[in-house]
Structures are given as structure tokens and as C-alpha cells.
PDB file of N, CA and C in Angstrom:
ATOM      1  N   UNK A   1       0.826  -1.191   0.000  1.00  0.00           N
ATOM      2  CA  UNK A   1       0.000   0.000   0.000  1.00  0.00           C
ATOM      3  C   UNK A   1       0.867   1.250   0.000  1.00  0.00           C
ATOM      4  N   UNK A   2       1.933   1.239   0.796  1.00  0.00           N
ATOM      5  CA  UNK A   2       2.795   2.415   0.876  1.00  0.00           C
ATOM      6  C   UNK A   2       3.514   2.644  -0.445  1.00  0.00           C
ATOM      7  N   UNK A   3       3.969   1.555  -1.061  1.00  0.00           N
ATOM      8  CA  UNK A   3       4.707   1.679  -2.316  1.00  0.00           C
ATOM      9  C   UNK A   3       3.823   2.194  -3.443  1.00  0.00           C
ATOM     10  N   UNK A   4       2.558   1.867  -3.417  1.00  0.00           N
ATOM     11  CA  UNK A   4       1.638   2.255  -4.489  1.00  0.00           C
ATOM     12  C   UNK A   4       0.717   3.402  -4.104  1.00  0.00           C
ATOM     13  N   UNK A   5       1.001   4.073  -3.004  1.00  0.00           N
ATOM     14  CA  UNK A   5       0.079   5.091  -2.493  1.00  0.00           C
ATOM     15  C   UNK A   5      -0.124   6.241  -3.478  1.00  0.00           C
ATOM     16  N   UNK A   6       0.948   6.759  -4.051  1.00  0.00           N
ATOM     17  CA  UNK A   6       0.799   7.892  -4.978  1.00  0.00           C
ATOM     18  C   UNK A   6       0.010   7.489  -6.219  1.00  0.00           C
ATOM     19  N   UNK A   7       0.216   6.275  -6.708  1.00  0.00           N
ATOM     20  CA  UNK A   7      -0.563   5.797  -7.857  1.00  0.00           C
ATOM     21  C   UNK A   7      -2.032   5.642  -7.499  1.00  0.00           C
ATOM     22  N   UNK A   8      -2.290   5.134  -6.319  1.00  0.00           N
ATOM     23  CA  UNK A   8      -3.664   4.954  -5.859  1.00  0.00           C
ATOM     24  C   UNK A   8      -4.390   6.293  -5.760  1.00  0.00           C
ATOM     25  N   UNK A   9      -3.723   7.275  -5.200  1.00  0.00           N
ATOM     26  CA  UNK A   9      -4.323   8.605  -5.055  1.00  0.00           C
ATOM     27  C   UNK A   9      -4.585   9.226  -6.423  1.00  0.00           C
ATOM     28  N   UNK A  10      -3.645   9.080  -7.346  1.00  0.00           N
ATOM     29  CA  UNK A  10      -3.847   9.670  -8.673  1.00  0.00           C
ATOM     30  C   UNK A  10      -4.995   8.994  -9.418  1.00  0.00           C
ATOM     31  N   UNK A  11      -5.182   7.706  -9.230  1.00  0.00           N
ATOM     32  CA  UNK A  11      -6.315   7.020  -9.863  1.00  0.00           C
ATOM     33  C   UNK A  11      -7.627   7.535  -9.295  1.00  0.00           C
ATOM     34  N   UNK A  12      -7.685   7.723  -7.984  1.00  0.00           N
ATOM     35  CA  UNK A  12      -8.910   8.259  -7.386  1.00  0.00           C
ATOM     36  C   UNK A  12      -9.204   9.670  -7.887  1.00  0.00           C
ATOM     37  N   UNK A  13      -8.169  10.448  -8.142  1.00  0.00           N
ATOM     38  CA  UNK A  13      -8.390  11.804  -8.651  1.00  0.00           C
ATOM     39  C   UNK A  13      -8.828  11.800 -10.111  1.00  0.00           C
ATOM     40  N   UNK A  14      -8.352  10.845 -10.889  1.00  0.00           N
ATOM     41  CA  UNK A  14      -8.694  10.795 -12.312  1.00  0.00           C
ATOM     42  C   UNK A  14     -10.100  10.262 -12.553  1.00  0.00           C
ATOM     43  N   UNK A  15     -10.569   9.420 -11.669  1.00  0.00           N
ATOM     44  CA  UNK A  15     -11.913   8.855 -11.824  1.00  0.00           C
ATOM     45  C   UNK A  15     -12.957   9.945 -11.598  1.00  0.00           C
ATOM     46  N   UNK A  16     -14.019   9.862 -12.341  1.00  0.00           N
ATOM     47  CA  UNK A  16     -15.081  10.867 -12.233  1.00  0.00           C
ATOM     48  C   UNK A  16     -16.259  10.387 -11.392  1.00  0.00           C
ATOM     49  N   UNK A  17     -16.237   9.131 -10.979  1.00  0.00           N
ATOM     50  CA  UNK A  17     -17.372   8.607 -10.218  1.00  0.00           C
ATOM     51  C   UNK A  17     -17.385   9.188  -8.803  1.00  0.00           C
ATOM     52  N   UNK A  18     -18.548   9.258  -8.248  1.00  0.00           N
ATOM     53  CA  UNK A  18     -18.695   9.786  -6.898  1.00  0.00           C
ATOM     54  C   UNK A  18     -18.039   8.905  -5.852  1.00  0.00           C
ATOM     55  N   UNK A  19     -18.053   7.592  -6.092  1.00  0.00           N
ATOM     56  CA  UNK A  19     -17.452   6.661  -5.136  1.00  0.00           C
ATOM     57  C   UNK A  19     -15.941   6.876  -5.057  1.00  0.00           C
ATOM     58  N   UNK A  20     -15.285   7.066  -6.194  1.00  0.00           N
ATOM     59  CA  UNK A  20     -13.837   7.292  -6.196  1.00  0.00           C
ATOM     60  C   UNK A  20     -13.496   8.596  -5.490  1.00  0.00           C
ATOM     61  N   UNK A  21     -14.265   9.621  -5.747  1.00  0.00           N
ATOM     62  CA  UNK A  21     -14.000  10.908  -5.101  1.00  0.00           C
ATOM     63  C   UNK A  21     -14.303  10.859  -3.606  1.00  0.00           C
ATOM     64  N   UNK A  22     -15.300  10.059  -3.222  1.00  0.00           N
ATOM     65  CA  UNK A  22     -15.597   9.956  -1.790  1.00  0.00           C
ATOM     66  C   UNK A  22     -14.531   9.146  -1.051  1.00  0.00           C
ATOM     67  N   UNK A  23     -13.810   8.271  -1.750  1.00  0.00           N
ATOM     68  CA  UNK A  23     -12.719   7.515  -1.129  1.00  0.00           C
ATOM     69  C   UNK A  23     -11.417   8.308  -1.091  1.00  0.00           C
ATOM     70  N   UNK A  24     -11.292   9.300  -1.965  1.00  0.00           N
ATOM     71  CA  UNK A  24     -10.055  10.077  -2.037  1.00  0.00           C
ATOM     72  C   UNK A  24      -9.774  10.818  -0.731  1.00  0.00           C
ATOM     73  N   UNK A  25     -10.774  11.485  -0.193  1.00  0.00           N
ATOM     74  CA  UNK A  25     -10.554  12.299   1.005  1.00  0.00           C
ATOM     75  C   UNK A  25     -10.116  11.474   2.217  1.00  0.00           C
ATOM     76  N   UNK A  26     -10.784  10.362   2.544  1.00  0.00           N
ATOM     77  CA  UNK A  26     -10.347   9.595   3.725  1.00  0.00           C
ATOM     78  C   UNK A  26      -8.946   8.996   3.595  1.00  0.00           C
ATOM     79  N   UNK A  27      -8.560   8.555   2.391  1.00  0.00           N
ATOM     80  CA  UNK A  27      -7.242   7.919   2.288  1.00  0.00           C
ATOM     81  C   UNK A  27      -6.105   8.927   2.220  1.00  0.00           C
ATOM     82  N   UNK A  28      -6.425  10.192   2.033  1.00  0.00           N
ATOM     83  CA  UNK A  28      -5.360  11.195   2.001  1.00  0.00           C
ATOM     84  C   UNK A  28      -5.244  11.977   3.304  1.00  0.00           C
ATOM     85  N   UNK A  29      -6.111  11.696   4.272  1.00  0.00           N
ATOM     86  CA  UNK A  29      -5.971  12.388   5.551  1.00  0.00           C
ATOM     87  C   UNK A  29      -4.775  11.811   6.308  1.00  0.00           C
ATOM     88  N   UNK A  30      -4.184  12.606   7.161  1.00  0.00           N
ATOM     89  CA  UNK A  30      -2.945  12.198   7.829  1.00  0.00           C
ATOM     90  C   UNK A  30      -3.153  10.999   8.745  1.00  0.00           C
ATOM     91  N   UNK A  31      -4.338  10.848   9.317  1.00  0.00           N
ATOM     92  CA  UNK A  31      -4.586   9.717  10.221  1.00  0.00           C
ATOM     93  C   UNK A  31      -4.494   8.386   9.476  1.00  0.00           C
ATOM     94  N   UNK A  32      -5.079   8.331   8.294  1.00  0.00           N
ATOM     95  CA  UNK A  32      -5.031   7.105   7.502  1.00  0.00           C
ATOM     96  C   UNK A  32      -3.600   6.785   7.094  1.00  0.00           C
ATOM     97  N   UNK A  33      -2.876   7.783   6.629  1.00  0.00           N
ATOM     98  CA  UNK A  33      -1.487   7.575   6.209  1.00  0.00           C
ATOM     99  C   UNK A  33      -0.645   7.147   7.404  1.00  0.00           C
ATOM    100  N   UNK A  34      -0.882   7.738   8.553  1.00  0.00           N
ATOM    101  CA  UNK A  34      -0.152   7.378   9.772  1.00  0.00           C
ATOM    102  C   UNK A  34      -0.406   5.916  10.146  1.00  0.00           C
ATOM    103  N   UNK A  35      -1.672   5.503  10.112  1.00  0.00           N
ATOM    104  CA  UNK A  35      -2.021   4.130  10.476  1.00  0.00           C
ATOM    105  C   UNK A  35      -1.422   3.134   9.483  1.00  0.00           C
ATOM    106  N   UNK A  36      -1.428   3.462   8.211  1.00  0.00           N
ATOM    107  CA  UNK A  36      -0.843   2.567   7.206  1.00  0.00           C
ATOM    108  C   UNK A  36       0.649   2.397   7.450  1.00  0.00           C
ATOM    109  N   UNK A  37       1.345   3.488   7.742  1.00  0.00           N
ATOM    110  CA  UNK A  37       2.781   3.389   8.035  1.00  0.00           C
ATOM    111  C   UNK A  37       3.023   2.616   9.332  1.00  0.00           C
ATOM    112  N   UNK A  38       2.194   2.842  10.327  1.00  0.00           N
ATOM    113  CA  UNK A  38       2.325   2.115  11.590  1.00  0.00           C
ATOM    114  C   UNK A  38       2.141   0.618  11.377  1.00  0.00           C
ATOM    115  N   UNK A  39       1.098   0.247  10.641  1.00  0.00           N
ATOM    116  CA  UNK A  39       0.851  -1.169  10.384  1.00  0.00           C
ATOM    117  C   UNK A  39       1.964  -1.796   9.561  1.00  0.00           C
ATOM    118  N   UNK A  40       2.511  -1.048   8.623  1.00  0.00           N
ATOM    119  CA  UNK A  40       3.627  -1.571   7.831  1.00  0.00           C
ATOM    120  C   UNK A  40       4.834  -1.832   8.719  1.00  0.00           C
ATOM    121  N   UNK A  41       5.058  -0.970   9.698  1.00  0.00           N
ATOM    122  CA  UNK A  41       6.183  -1.160  10.620  1.00  0.00           C
ATOM    123  C   UNK A  41       5.954  -2.335  11.565  1.00  0.00           C
ATOM    124  N   UNK A  42       4.713  -2.561  11.964  1.00  0.00           N
ATOM    125  CA  UNK A  42       4.409  -3.580  12.966  1.00  0.00           C
ATOM    126  C   UNK A  42       4.197  -4.964  12.349  1.00  0.00           C
ATOM    127  N   UNK A  43       3.539  -5.034  11.212  1.00  0.00           N
ATOM    128  CA  UNK A  43       3.137  -6.330  10.681  1.00  0.00           C
ATOM    129  C   UNK A  43       4.295  -7.169  10.154  1.00  0.00           C
ATOM    130  N   UNK A  44       5.320  -6.548   9.625  1.00  0.00           N
ATOM    131  CA  UNK A  44       6.460  -7.326   9.118  1.00  0.00           C
ATOM    132  C   UNK A  44       7.166  -8.092  10.241  1.00  0.00           C
ATOM    133  N   UNK A  45       7.587  -7.437  11.334  1.00  0.00           N
ATOM    134  CA  UNK A  45       8.207  -8.212  12.420  1.00  0.00           C
ATOM    135  C   UNK A  45       7.239  -9.213  13.056  1.00  0.00           C
ATOM    136  N   UNK A  46       5.961  -8.867  13.108  1.00  0.00           N
ATOM    137  CA  UNK A  46       4.974  -9.780  13.668  1.00  0.00           C
ATOM    138  C   UNK A  46       4.841 -11.039  12.813  1.00  0.00           C
ATOM    139  N   UNK A  47       4.913 -10.893  11.506  1.00  0.00           N
ATOM    140  CA  UNK A  47       4.853 -12.053  10.616  1.00  0.00           C
ATOM    141  C   UNK A  47       6.070 -12.944  10.806  1.00  0.00           C
ATOM    142  N   UNK A  48       7.241 -12.337  10.981  1.00  0.00           N
ATOM    143  CA  UNK A  48       8.460 -13.116  11.219  1.00  0.00           C
ATOM    144  C   UNK A  48       8.358 -13.863  12.543  1.00  0.00           C
ATOM    145  N   UNK A  49       7.881 -13.186  13.573  1.00  0.00           N
ATOM    146  CA  UNK A  49       7.718 -13.812  14.882  1.00  0.00           C
ATOM    147  C   UNK A  49       6.709 -14.957  14.825  1.00  0.00           C
ATOM    148  N   UNK A  50       5.608 -14.744  14.154  1.00  0.00           N
ATOM    149  CA  UNK A  50       4.589 -15.776  14.023  1.00  0.00           C
ATOM    150  C   UNK A  50       5.138 -16.999  13.297  1.00  0.00           C
ATOM    151  N   UNK A  51       5.900 -16.752  12.251  1.00  0.00           N
ATOM    152  CA  UNK A  51       6.483 -17.863  11.496  1.00  0.00           C
ATOM    153  C   UNK A  51       7.475 -18.643  12.347  1.00  0.00           C
ATOM    154  N   UNK A  52       8.258 -17.952  13.162  1.00  0.00           N
ATOM    155  CA  UNK A  52       9.221 -18.656  14.011  1.00  0.00           C
ATOM    156  C   UNK A  52       8.504 -19.478  15.081  1.00  0.00           C
ATOM    157  N   UNK A  53       7.404 -18.960  15.630  1.00  0.00           N
ATOM    158  CA  UNK A  53       6.626 -19.733  16.601  1.00  0.00           C
ATOM    159  C   UNK A  53       5.989 -20.959  15.948  1.00  0.00           C
ATOM    160  N   UNK A  54       5.503 -20.793  14.730  1.00  0.00           N
ATOM    161  CA  UNK A  54       4.927 -21.931  14.016  1.00  0.00           C
ATOM    162  C   UNK A  54       5.968 -23.017  13.792  1.00  0.00           C
ATOM    163  N   UNK A  55       7.166 -22.620  13.375  1.00  0.00           N
ATOM    164  CA  UNK A  55       8.229 -23.592  13.146  1.00  0.00           C
ATOM    165  C   UNK A  55       8.645 -24.258  14.451  1.00  0.00           C
ATOM    166  N   UNK A  56       8.689 -23.489  15.512  1.00  0.00           N
ATOM    167  CA  UNK A  56       9.100 -24.028  16.807  1.00  0.00           C
ATOM    168  C   UNK A  56       8.075 -25.034  17.328  1.00  0.00           C
ATOM    169  N   UNK A  57       6.791 -24.727  17.213  1.00  0.00           N
ATOM    170  CA  UNK A  57       5.774 -25.650  17.719  1.00  0.00           C
ATOM    171  C   UNK A  57       5.665 -26.887  16.845  1.00  0.00           C
ATOM    172  N   UNK A  58       5.948 -26.767  15.562  1.00  0.00           N
ATOM    173  CA  UNK A  58       5.867 -27.956  14.709  1.00  0.00           C
ATOM    174  C   UNK A  58       6.996 -28.928  15.032  1.00  0.00           C
ATOM    175  N   UNK A  59       8.145 -28.436  15.474  1.00  0.00           N
ATOM    176  CA  UNK A  59       9.232 -29.341  15.844  1.00  0.00           C
ATOM    177  C   UNK A  59       8.997 -29.946  17.223  1.00  0.00           C
ATOM    178  N   UNK A  60       8.208 -29.299  18.066  1.00  0.00           N
ATOM    179  CA  UNK A  60       7.923 -29.849  19.390  1.00  0.00           C
ATOM    180  C   UNK A  60       6.978 -31.045  19.316  1.00  0.00           C
ATOM    181  N   UNK A  61       6.091 -31.057  18.347  1.00  0.00           N
ATOM    182  CA  UNK A  61       5.118 -32.142  18.227  1.00  0.00           C
ATOM    183  C   UNK A  61       5.716 -33.395  17.606  1.00  0.00           C
ATOM    184  N   UNK A  62       6.839 -33.304  16.997  1.00  0.00           N
ATOM    185  CA  UNK A  62       7.449 -34.466  16.323  1.00  0.00           C
ATOM    186  C   UNK A  62       8.137 -35.360  17.259  1.00  0.00           C
TER     187      UNK A  62
END
């Protein structure tokens, strides 16, 4: 999402439909951008941790 954010915003601006324009404002507010960056920072290490726990528990059952 972060890597494609500028493309996503430009598509919403180019579209003429009301739905696209109504989605443009919420995704460009600072709160949404802040939460997306926060989740990007948190979810990657969490995925690594989850994978290591999965591997650890699978070796315990053997």
C-alpha cells in the first residue's frame, strides 16, 4: 500500500465517479497515512515472529 500510495491517489483523482471521489478524502488524511505506516512497521516483524513460533511448535510435536 505504501509503495503504491501515490498511484492509488492519482487514480482516485482521475476517476469521475462519486465513489472514487468519496474515497479520495479519507485515504489522504494524515490519520489514515499514519495508520498505514504504523501497520507496515508492525506487521512485518509480527509475521516473522509468528512464522518462528509456528516452526518451533511444529518441531515440538514431532
